[in-house]
Amino acid sequence: MANNNEGLTRHNQQEQSAPAEAFIAADGKFTPEHVAQLFFESYRFSQGNPAIQQQIFQFLNERFGDRITPDLIEQGATLATPRISAFVTSVTKHADTPHSVVSGSVETEQRVWRSILTGGSIPAQPYNPHDMLSTMLVREAKFVEDGGRPDRSDETNTSSRSYSKHLSPFVFYGLMGQDTGLPEYNAMFEELVDNLHDIPDSIVKLDSGGIKILTPILPVFESHFKAYPDDIARITDHGFTVLQERFEPAELQQLGIATQASSEV
């Protein structure tokens, strides 16, 4: 199977096309517009899970906290609210959600982000990419069990796949190295890929009643590649190496990945 190294060079290419001064203000901080983009995408990449969104804030604060202030978070949230409202009411089953409810959610999440940044009522926790990836895969496994994300299309074109029904964001933005549109989140997904090797076959989580639930991770990858088999050829060289290190040959074959391709890496 032929792989490509587009994902490995994607970050460098983006830095060349979008220099730092495009989203860094004169004082060295992010612009409010850039924080608004970061805030909006935190909704998309958290996939409706507040725990993932909080982990995203932890990542941003730990890696880029010197470019963020509480005021910027508040300004960014205000700028992002109309877009978040349109997103929530158009790509989920909450089409009848009033704007006031969305605004309340935005207000809550921006308070969470500010609190983590300043060590307020929600003290900062060290960012842990292993924990984020575990939580993300559990969330994606839930969508697999439900037959895909609600009210989404079966879009197969990679240029418009961001909201498609069976997409695994970890596979798409991590293993395939697709551009998230923001260098900070590109870096986040790259780091998540490096933590796949330590994720167990089944992730143990507690349900609301305190009962342990085992969530297998292989179905997440199987569902994605079954829906989008052409994506196998789009896995980056690094992503392919990580998959080989994490899964047995029989499991790779179950995903539709020919194990003899290892000789080409």
C-alpha atoms as a PDB file:
ATOM      1  CA  MET A   1       0.000   0.000   0.000  1.00  0.00           C
ATOM      2  CA  ALA A   2       1.376   3.393  -0.900  1.00  0.00           C
ATOM      3  CA  ASN A   3       1.518   5.946   1.880  1.00  0.00           C
ATOM      4  CA  ASN A   4       2.342   9.614   1.623  1.00  0.00           C
ATOM      5  CA  ASN A   5       4.067  12.100   3.871  1.00  0.00           C
ATOM      6  CA  GLU A   6       1.589  14.932   3.399  1.00  0.00           C
ATOM      7  CA  GLY A   7       0.621  14.840   7.055  1.00  0.00           C
ATOM      8  CA  LEU A   8       4.239  14.967   8.165  1.00  0.00           C
ATOM      9  CA  THR A   9       4.848  18.218   6.280  1.00  0.00           C
ATOM     10  CA  ARG A  10       1.399  19.708   6.760  1.00  0.00           C
ATOM     11  CA  HIS A  11       2.286  21.725   9.837  1.00  0.00           C
ATOM     12  CA  ASN A  12       5.351  23.267   8.191  1.00  0.00           C
ATOM     13  CA  GLN A  13       3.355  24.109   5.096  1.00  0.00           C
ATOM     14  CA  GLN A  14       0.692  25.813   7.163  1.00  0.00           C
ATOM     15  CA  GLU A  15       3.265  27.859   9.047  1.00  0.00           C
ATOM     16  CA  GLN A  16       4.603  29.066   5.706  1.00  0.00           C
ATOM     17  CA  SER A  17       1.149  30.039   4.440  1.00  0.00           C
ATOM     18  CA  ALA A  18      -0.090  31.465   7.760  1.00  0.00           C
ATOM     19  CA  PRO A  19       2.808  33.223   9.537  1.00  0.00           C
ATOM     20  CA  ALA A  20       2.603  33.861  13.257  1.00  0.00           C
ATOM     21  CA  GLU A  21       1.863  37.569  12.767  1.00  0.00           C
ATOM     22  CA  ALA A  22      -1.428  36.564  11.140  1.00  0.00           C
ATOM     23  CA  PHE A  23      -2.853  35.643  14.520  1.00  0.00           C
ATOM     24  CA  ILE A  24      -0.427  37.134  17.064  1.00  0.00           C
ATOM     25  CA  ALA A  25      -1.039  40.698  18.233  1.00  0.00           C
ATOM     26  CA  ALA A  26       1.651  43.322  18.823  1.00  0.00           C
ATOM     27  CA  ASP A  27       1.798  42.412  22.514  1.00  0.00           C
ATOM     28  CA  GLY A  28       2.663  38.790  21.685  1.00  0.00           C
ATOM     29  CA  LYS A  29      -0.782  37.486  22.645  1.00  0.00           C
ATOM     30  CA  PHE A  30      -3.294  35.791  20.368  1.00  0.00           C
ATOM     31  CA  THR A  31      -5.746  38.093  18.661  1.00  0.00           C
ATOM     32  CA  PRO A  32      -9.370  37.918  19.875  1.00  0.00           C
ATOM     33  CA  GLU A  33     -10.333  36.555  16.455  1.00  0.00           C
ATOM     34  CA  HIS A  34      -7.876  33.683  16.803  1.00  0.00           C
ATOM     35  CA  VAL A  35      -9.112  32.870  20.299  1.00  0.00           C
ATOM     36  CA  ALA A  36     -12.639  32.859  18.864  1.00  0.00           C
ATOM     37  CA  GLN A  37     -11.551  30.228  16.336  1.00  0.00           C
ATOM     38  CA  LEU A  38      -9.892  28.169  19.058  1.00  0.00           C
ATOM     39  CA  PHE A  39     -13.037  28.405  21.164  1.00  0.00           C
ATOM     40  CA  PHE A  40     -15.351  27.400  18.329  1.00  0.00           C
ATOM     41  CA  GLU A  41     -13.212  24.415  17.367  1.00  0.00           C
ATOM     42  CA  SER A  42     -13.146  23.275  20.991  1.00  0.00           C
ATOM     43  CA  TYR A  43     -16.869  22.586  20.563  1.00  0.00           C
ATOM     44  CA  ARG A  44     -16.294  20.653  17.371  1.00  0.00           C
ATOM     45  CA  PHE A  45     -13.383  18.552  18.580  1.00  0.00           C
ATOM     46  CA  SER A  46     -14.942  17.844  21.985  1.00  0.00           C
ATOM     47  CA  GLN A  47     -17.835  16.188  20.107  1.00  0.00           C
ATOM     48  CA  GLY A  48     -20.354  17.266  22.728  1.00  0.00           C
ATOM     49  CA  ASN A  49     -18.321  15.922  25.657  1.00  0.00           C
ATOM     50  CA  PRO A  50     -17.543  18.558  28.343  1.00  0.00           C
ATOM     51  CA  ALA A  51     -14.662  16.434  29.675  1.00  0.00           C
ATOM     52  CA  ILE A  52     -12.907  16.540  26.293  1.00  0.00           C
ATOM     53  CA  GLN A  53     -13.549  20.264  26.001  1.00  0.00           C
ATOM     54  CA  GLN A  54     -11.954  20.829  29.404  1.00  0.00           C
ATOM     55  CA  GLN A  55      -8.955  18.744  28.335  1.00  0.00           C
ATOM     56  CA  ILE A  56      -8.674  20.891  25.203  1.00  0.00           C
ATOM     57  CA  PHE A  57      -8.582  23.999  27.390  1.00  0.00           C
ATOM     58  CA  GLN A  58      -5.890  22.354  29.519  1.00  0.00           C
ATOM     59  CA  PHE A  59      -3.867  21.661  26.370  1.00  0.00           C
ATOM     60  CA  LEU A  60      -4.216  25.247  25.115  1.00  0.00           C
ATOM     61  CA  ASN A  61      -3.312  26.725  28.504  1.00  0.00           C
ATOM     62  CA  GLU A  62      -0.287  24.490  28.984  1.00  0.00           C
ATOM     63  CA  ARG A  63       1.121  24.876  25.478  1.00  0.00           C
ATOM     64  CA  PHE A  64       0.042  28.434  24.636  1.00  0.00           C
ATOM     65  CA  GLY A  65      -0.913  29.989  27.965  1.00  0.00           C
ATOM     66  CA  ASP A  66       1.595  32.805  27.519  1.00  0.00           C
ATOM     67  CA  ARG A  67      -0.479  33.990  24.544  1.00  0.00           C
ATOM     68  CA  ILE A  68      -3.860  33.827  26.297  1.00  0.00           C
ATOM     69  CA  THR A  69      -5.467  36.089  28.915  1.00  0.00           C
ATOM     70  CA  PRO A  70      -8.842  35.899  30.691  1.00  0.00           C
ATOM     71  CA  ASP A  71      -9.994  38.974  28.770  1.00  0.00           C
ATOM     72  CA  LEU A  72      -9.063  37.340  25.450  1.00  0.00           C
ATOM     73  CA  ILE A  73     -11.057  34.233  26.360  1.00  0.00           C
ATOM     74  CA  GLU A  74     -14.107  36.373  27.122  1.00  0.00           C
ATOM     75  CA  GLN A  75     -13.708  38.390  23.925  1.00  0.00           C
ATOM     76  CA  GLY A  76     -13.139  35.248  21.853  1.00  0.00           C
ATOM     77  CA  ALA A  77     -16.206  33.565  23.305  1.00  0.00           C
ATOM     78  CA  THR A  78     -18.353  36.578  22.468  1.00  0.00           C
ATOM     79  CA  LEU A  79     -17.082  36.630  18.885  1.00  0.00           C
ATOM     80  CA  ALA A  80     -17.588  32.875  18.519  1.00  0.00           C
ATOM     81  CA  THR A  81     -21.117  32.691  19.968  1.00  0.00           C
ATOM     82  CA  PRO A  82     -23.064  33.241  16.695  1.00  0.00           C
ATOM     83  CA  ARG A  83     -20.997  30.598  14.914  1.00  0.00           C
ATOM     84  CA  ILE A  84     -21.331  28.150  17.801  1.00  0.00           C
ATOM     85  CA  SER A  85     -25.093  28.715  17.847  1.00  0.00           C
ATOM     86  CA  ALA A  86     -25.319  28.000  14.117  1.00  0.00           C
ATOM     87  CA  PHE A  87     -23.162  24.900  14.536  1.00  0.00           C
ATOM     88  CA  VAL A  88     -25.129  23.472  17.458  1.00  0.00           C
ATOM     89  CA  THR A  89     -28.510  23.988  15.807  1.00  0.00           C
ATOM     90  CA  SER A  90     -27.524  22.739  12.365  1.00  0.00           C
ATOM     91  CA  VAL A  91     -25.377  19.620  12.803  1.00  0.00           C
ATOM     92  CA  THR A  92     -26.996  17.961  15.809  1.00  0.00           C
ATOM     93  CA  LYS A  93     -30.498  16.932  16.850  1.00  0.00           C
ATOM     94  CA  HIS A  94     -30.873  20.218  18.710  1.00  0.00           C
ATOM     95  CA  ALA A  95     -32.316  22.241  15.856  1.00  0.00           C
ATOM     96  CA  ASP A  96     -34.940  23.677  18.223  1.00  0.00           C
ATOM     97  CA  THR A  97     -32.392  24.733  20.849  1.00  0.00           C
ATOM     98  CA  PRO A  98     -32.971  28.438  21.582  1.00  0.00           C
ATOM     99  CA  HIS A  99     -30.073  30.843  21.218  1.00  0.00           C
ATOM    100  CA  SER A 100     -30.273  31.627  24.933  1.00  0.00           C
ATOM    101  CA  VAL A 101     -29.406  28.026  25.784  1.00  0.00           C
ATOM    102  CA  VAL A 102     -26.418  28.083  23.461  1.00  0.00           C
ATOM    103  CA  SER A 103     -25.293  31.407  24.936  1.00  0.00           C
ATOM    104  CA  GLY A 104     -25.548  29.888  28.401  1.00  0.00           C
ATOM    105  CA  SER A 105     -23.338  26.999  27.332  1.00  0.00           C
ATOM    106  CA  VAL A 106     -20.788  29.391  25.853  1.00  0.00           C
ATOM    107  CA  GLU A 107     -20.779  31.425  29.047  1.00  0.00           C
ATOM    108  CA  THR A 108     -20.213  28.278  31.114  1.00  0.00           C
ATOM    109  CA  GLU A 109     -17.395  26.968  28.944  1.00  0.00           C
ATOM    110  CA  GLN A 110     -15.570  30.281  28.749  1.00  0.00           C
ATOM    111  CA  ARG A 111     -15.739  30.493  32.558  1.00  0.00           C
ATOM    112  CA  VAL A 112     -14.251  26.990  32.704  1.00  0.00           C
ATOM    113  CA  TRP A 113     -11.427  27.996  30.363  1.00  0.00           C
ATOM    114  CA  ARG A 114     -10.726  31.197  32.308  1.00  0.00           C
ATOM    115  CA  SER A 115     -10.795  29.342  35.614  1.00  0.00           C
ATOM    116  CA  ILE A 116      -8.322  26.731  34.400  1.00  0.00           C
ATOM    117  CA  LEU A 117      -6.048  29.497  33.098  1.00  0.00           C
ATOM    118  CA  THR A 118      -6.120  31.521  36.306  1.00  0.00           C
ATOM    119  CA  GLY A 119      -6.299  28.684  38.833  1.00  0.00           C
ATOM    120  CA  GLY A 120      -9.790  29.630  39.979  1.00  0.00           C
ATOM    121  CA  SER A 121     -12.555  27.310  41.149  1.00  0.00           C
ATOM    122  CA  ILE A 122     -11.472  24.819  38.494  1.00  0.00           C
ATOM    123  CA  PRO A 123      -7.733  24.577  39.144  1.00  0.00           C
ATOM    124  CA  ALA A 124      -5.425  23.791  36.293  1.00  0.00           C
ATOM    125  CA  GLN A 125      -4.602  20.127  35.863  1.00  0.00           C
ATOM    126  CA  PRO A 126      -1.554  18.980  33.923  1.00  0.00           C
ATOM    127  CA  TYR A 127      -2.519  18.265  30.350  1.00  0.00           C
ATOM    128  CA  ASN A 128      -2.487  14.511  29.779  1.00  0.00           C
ATOM    129  CA  PRO A 129      -2.725  13.492  26.107  1.00  0.00           C
ATOM    130  CA  HIS A 130      -3.224   9.835  27.072  1.00  0.00           C
ATOM    131  CA  ASP A 131      -6.336  10.746  29.069  1.00  0.00           C
ATOM    132  CA  MET A 132      -7.642  12.962  26.272  1.00  0.00           C
ATOM    133  CA  LEU A 133      -7.190  10.253  23.661  1.00  0.00           C
ATOM    134  CA  SER A 134      -8.864   7.678  25.918  1.00  0.00           C
ATOM    135  CA  THR A 135     -11.862   9.944  26.450  1.00  0.00           C
ATOM    136  CA  MET A 136     -12.006  10.831  22.749  1.00  0.00           C
ATOM    137  CA  LEU A 137     -11.993   7.176  21.651  1.00  0.00           C
ATOM    138  CA  VAL A 138     -14.727   6.321  24.162  1.00  0.00           C
ATOM    139  CA  ARG A 139     -16.814   9.166  22.725  1.00  0.00           C
ATOM    140  CA  GLU A 140     -16.187   8.025  19.168  1.00  0.00           C
ATOM    141  CA  ALA A 141     -17.057   4.437  20.139  1.00  0.00           C
ATOM    142  CA  LYS A 142     -20.421   5.703  21.398  1.00  0.00           C
ATOM    143  CA  PHE A 143     -21.161   7.149  17.951  1.00  0.00           C
ATOM    144  CA  VAL A 144     -20.149   3.840  16.355  1.00  0.00           C
ATOM    145  CA  GLU A 145     -22.657   2.040  18.599  1.00  0.00           C
ATOM    146  CA  ASP A 146     -25.328   4.553  17.572  1.00  0.00           C
ATOM    147  CA  GLY A 147     -24.686   3.957  13.872  1.00  0.00           C
ATOM    148  CA  GLY A 148     -22.869   7.225  13.306  1.00  0.00           C
ATOM    149  CA  ARG A 149     -23.208  10.866  14.288  1.00  0.00           C
ATOM    150  CA  PRO A 150     -26.791  12.160  14.221  1.00  0.00           C
ATOM    151  CA  ASP A 151     -28.018  14.167  11.265  1.00  0.00           C
ATOM    152  CA  ARG A 152     -24.751  13.923   9.360  1.00  0.00           C
ATOM    153  CA  SER A 153     -24.087  12.995   5.748  1.00  0.00           C
ATOM    154  CA  ASP A 154     -21.998  10.157   4.354  1.00  0.00           C
ATOM    155  CA  GLU A 155     -19.637  12.619   2.670  1.00  0.00           C
ATOM    156  CA  THR A 156     -16.599  10.851   1.223  1.00  0.00           C
ATOM    157  CA  ASN A 157     -14.646  13.786  -0.195  1.00  0.00           C
ATOM    158  CA  THR A 158     -11.778  14.585   2.180  1.00  0.00           C
ATOM    159  CA  SER A 159     -12.073  18.307   1.475  1.00  0.00           C
ATOM    160  CA  SER A 160     -15.567  18.431   3.025  1.00  0.00           C
ATOM    161  CA  ARG A 161     -15.432  15.538   5.476  1.00  0.00           C
ATOM    162  CA  SER A 162     -15.286  17.506   8.742  1.00  0.00           C
ATOM    163  CA  TYR A 163     -18.905  16.784   9.646  1.00  0.00           C
ATOM    164  CA  SER A 164     -19.483  13.417   7.986  1.00  0.00           C
ATOM    165  CA  LYS A 165     -21.439  10.642   9.660  1.00  0.00           C
ATOM    166  CA  HIS A 166     -18.828   7.962  10.315  1.00  0.00           C
ATOM    167  CA  LEU A 167     -15.752  10.122  10.624  1.00  0.00           C
ATOM    168  CA  SER A 168     -13.290   9.484  13.430  1.00  0.00           C
ATOM    169  CA  PRO A 169     -11.647  12.844  14.151  1.00  0.00           C
ATOM    170  CA  PHE A 170      -8.667  11.015  15.632  1.00  0.00           C
ATOM    171  CA  VAL A 171      -8.183   9.010  12.433  1.00  0.00           C
ATOM    172  CA  PHE A 172      -8.871  11.982  10.150  1.00  0.00           C
ATOM    173  CA  TYR A 173      -6.839  14.702  11.841  1.00  0.00           C
ATOM    174  CA  GLY A 174      -4.356  12.460  13.611  1.00  0.00           C
ATOM    175  CA  LEU A 175      -3.492   9.347  11.628  1.00  0.00           C
ATOM    176  CA  MET A 176      -4.295  10.951   8.263  1.00  0.00           C
ATOM    177  CA  GLY A 177      -2.755  14.285   9.198  1.00  0.00           C
ATOM    178  CA  GLN A 178      -5.571  16.382   7.739  1.00  0.00           C
ATOM    179  CA  ASP A 179      -5.364  20.098   8.498  1.00  0.00           C
ATOM    180  CA  THR A 180      -7.656  21.240  11.324  1.00  0.00           C
ATOM    181  CA  GLY A 181      -7.314  24.816  10.111  1.00  0.00           C
ATOM    182  CA  LEU A 182      -5.431  25.893  13.245  1.00  0.00           C
ATOM    183  CA  PRO A 183      -1.770  25.110  14.021  1.00  0.00           C
ATOM    184  CA  GLU A 184      -2.541  24.645  17.713  1.00  0.00           C
ATOM    185  CA  TYR A 185      -5.004  21.840  17.055  1.00  0.00           C
ATOM    186  CA  ASN A 186      -2.741  20.315  14.413  1.00  0.00           C
ATOM    187  CA  ALA A 187      -0.126  20.030  17.164  1.00  0.00           C
ATOM    188  CA  MET A 188      -2.706  18.553  19.540  1.00  0.00           C
ATOM    189  CA  PHE A 189      -3.707  15.763  17.178  1.00  0.00           C
ATOM    190  CA  GLU A 190      -0.080  15.036  16.333  1.00  0.00           C
ATOM    191  CA  GLU A 191       0.580  14.548  20.034  1.00  0.00           C
ATOM    192  CA  LEU A 192      -2.471  12.319  20.429  1.00  0.00           C
ATOM    193  CA  VAL A 193      -1.164  10.019  17.696  1.00  0.00           C
ATOM    194  CA  ASP A 194       2.022   9.490  19.694  1.00  0.00           C
ATOM    195  CA  ASN A 195      -0.068   8.258  22.634  1.00  0.00           C
ATOM    196  CA  LEU A 196      -2.000   5.540  20.793  1.00  0.00           C
ATOM    197  CA  HIS A 197       0.585   2.881  21.635  1.00  0.00           C
ATOM    198  CA  ASP A 198      -0.358   3.014  25.336  1.00  0.00           C
ATOM    199  CA  ILE A 199      -4.153   2.842  24.911  1.00  0.00           C
ATOM    200  CA  PRO A 200      -5.507  -0.591  25.974  1.00  0.00           C
ATOM    201  CA  ASP A 201      -7.689  -2.766  23.764  1.00  0.00           C
ATOM    202  CA  SER A 202     -10.670  -1.828  25.926  1.00  0.00           C
ATOM    203  CA  ILE A 203     -10.920   1.384  27.926  1.00  0.00           C
ATOM    204  CA  VAL A 204     -12.477   1.074  31.373  1.00  0.00           C
ATOM    205  CA  LYS A 205     -14.953   3.796  32.289  1.00  0.00           C
ATOM    206  CA  LEU A 206     -17.595   4.114  35.000  1.00  0.00           C
ATOM    207  CA  ASP A 207     -21.191   4.760  34.012  1.00  0.00           C
ATOM    208  CA  SER A 208     -23.532   7.029  35.965  1.00  0.00           C
ATOM    209  CA  GLY A 209     -24.286   4.176  38.344  1.00  0.00           C
ATOM    210  CA  GLY A 210     -20.643   3.495  39.074  1.00  0.00           C
ATOM    211  CA  ILE A 211     -20.589   0.297  37.007  1.00  0.00           C
ATOM    212  CA  LYS A 212     -17.443  -0.404  35.019  1.00  0.00           C
ATOM    213  CA  ILE A 213     -17.969  -0.371  31.259  1.00  0.00           C
ATOM    214  CA  LEU A 214     -15.391  -1.793  28.867  1.00  0.00           C
ATOM    215  CA  THR A 215     -15.170   0.125  25.600  1.00  0.00           C
ATOM    216  CA  PRO A 216     -13.162  -1.618  22.839  1.00  0.00           C
ATOM    217  CA  ILE A 217     -11.234   0.783  20.600  1.00  0.00           C
ATOM    218  CA  LEU A 218     -10.832  -1.310  17.444  1.00  0.00           C
ATOM    219  CA  PRO A 219     -14.447  -0.693  16.262  1.00  0.00           C
ATOM    220  CA  VAL A 220     -13.693   3.046  16.044  1.00  0.00           C
ATOM    221  CA  PHE A 221     -11.003   2.440  13.429  1.00  0.00           C
ATOM    222  CA  GLU A 222     -12.956  -0.344  11.744  1.00  0.00           C
ATOM    223  CA  SER A 223     -16.041   1.851  11.348  1.00  0.00           C
ATOM    224  CA  HIS A 224     -14.050   4.718   9.847  1.00  0.00           C
ATOM    225  CA  PHE A 225     -12.159   2.648   7.294  1.00  0.00           C
ATOM    226  CA  LYS A 226     -15.232   0.617   6.393  1.00  0.00           C
ATOM    227  CA  ALA A 227     -17.076   3.837   5.551  1.00  0.00           C
ATOM    228  CA  TYR A 228     -14.071   5.488   3.897  1.00  0.00           C
ATOM    229  CA  PRO A 229     -11.746   2.727   2.585  1.00  0.00           C
ATOM    230  CA  ASP A 230      -9.801   5.197   0.428  1.00  0.00           C
ATOM    231  CA  ASP A 231      -8.559   6.803   3.629  1.00  0.00           C
ATOM    232  CA  ILE A 232      -6.219   3.864   4.199  1.00  0.00           C
ATOM    233  CA  ALA A 233      -3.990   5.201   1.436  1.00  0.00           C
ATOM    234  CA  ARG A 234      -4.094   8.649   3.056  1.00  0.00           C
ATOM    235  CA  ILE A 235      -2.652   7.580   6.397  1.00  0.00           C
ATOM    236  CA  THR A 236       0.648   9.363   6.960  1.00  0.00           C
ATOM    237  CA  ASP A 237       3.844   7.342   7.203  1.00  0.00           C
ATOM    238  CA  HIS A 238       4.028   8.116  10.901  1.00  0.00           C
ATOM    239  CA  GLY A 239       0.377   7.229  11.415  1.00  0.00           C
ATOM    240  CA  PHE A 240       0.881   3.929   9.657  1.00  0.00           C
ATOM    241  CA  THR A 241       3.909   3.132  11.806  1.00  0.00           C
ATOM    242  CA  VAL A 242       1.901   3.887  14.953  1.00  0.00           C
ATOM    243  CA  LEU A 243      -0.903   1.584  13.802  1.00  0.00           C
ATOM    244  CA  GLN A 244       1.595  -1.208  13.145  1.00  0.00           C
ATOM    245  CA  GLU A 245       3.070  -0.775  16.601  1.00  0.00           C
ATOM    246  CA  ARG A 246      -0.326  -0.727  18.312  1.00  0.00           C
ATOM    247  CA  PHE A 247      -2.300  -3.464  16.516  1.00  0.00           C
ATOM    248  CA  GLU A 248      -1.574  -7.061  15.643  1.00  0.00           C
ATOM    249  CA  PRO A 249      -1.398  -8.042  11.928  1.00  0.00           C
ATOM    250  CA  ALA A 250      -4.774  -9.797  12.182  1.00  0.00           C
ATOM    251  CA  GLU A 251      -6.315  -6.614  13.586  1.00  0.00           C
ATOM    252  CA  LEU A 252      -4.800  -4.517  10.820  1.00  0.00           C
ATOM    253  CA  GLN A 253      -6.275  -6.902   8.281  1.00  0.00           C
ATOM    254  CA  GLN A 254      -9.626  -6.508  10.042  1.00  0.00           C
ATOM    255  CA  LEU A 255      -9.294  -2.779   9.419  1.00  0.00           C
ATOM    256  CA  GLY A 256      -8.608  -3.437   5.750  1.00  0.00           C
ATOM    257  CA  ILE A 257      -4.919  -2.585   6.027  1.00  0.00           C
ATOM    258  CA  ALA A 258      -2.662  -4.984   4.153  1.00  0.00           C
ATOM    259  CA  THR A 259       0.104  -5.975   6.555  1.00  0.00           C
ATOM    260  CA  GLN A 260       2.595  -6.611   3.750  1.00  0.00           C
ATOM    261  CA  ALA A 261       2.622  -2.843   3.252  1.00  0.00           C
ATOM    262  CA  SER A 262       5.023  -2.653   6.171  1.00  0.00           C
ATOM    263  CA  SER A 263       7.898  -3.331   3.778  1.00  0.00           C
ATOM    264  CA  GLU A 264       7.109  -0.059   1.998  1.00  0.00           C
ATOM    265  CA  VAL A 265       7.257   2.145   5.083  1.00  0.00           C
END
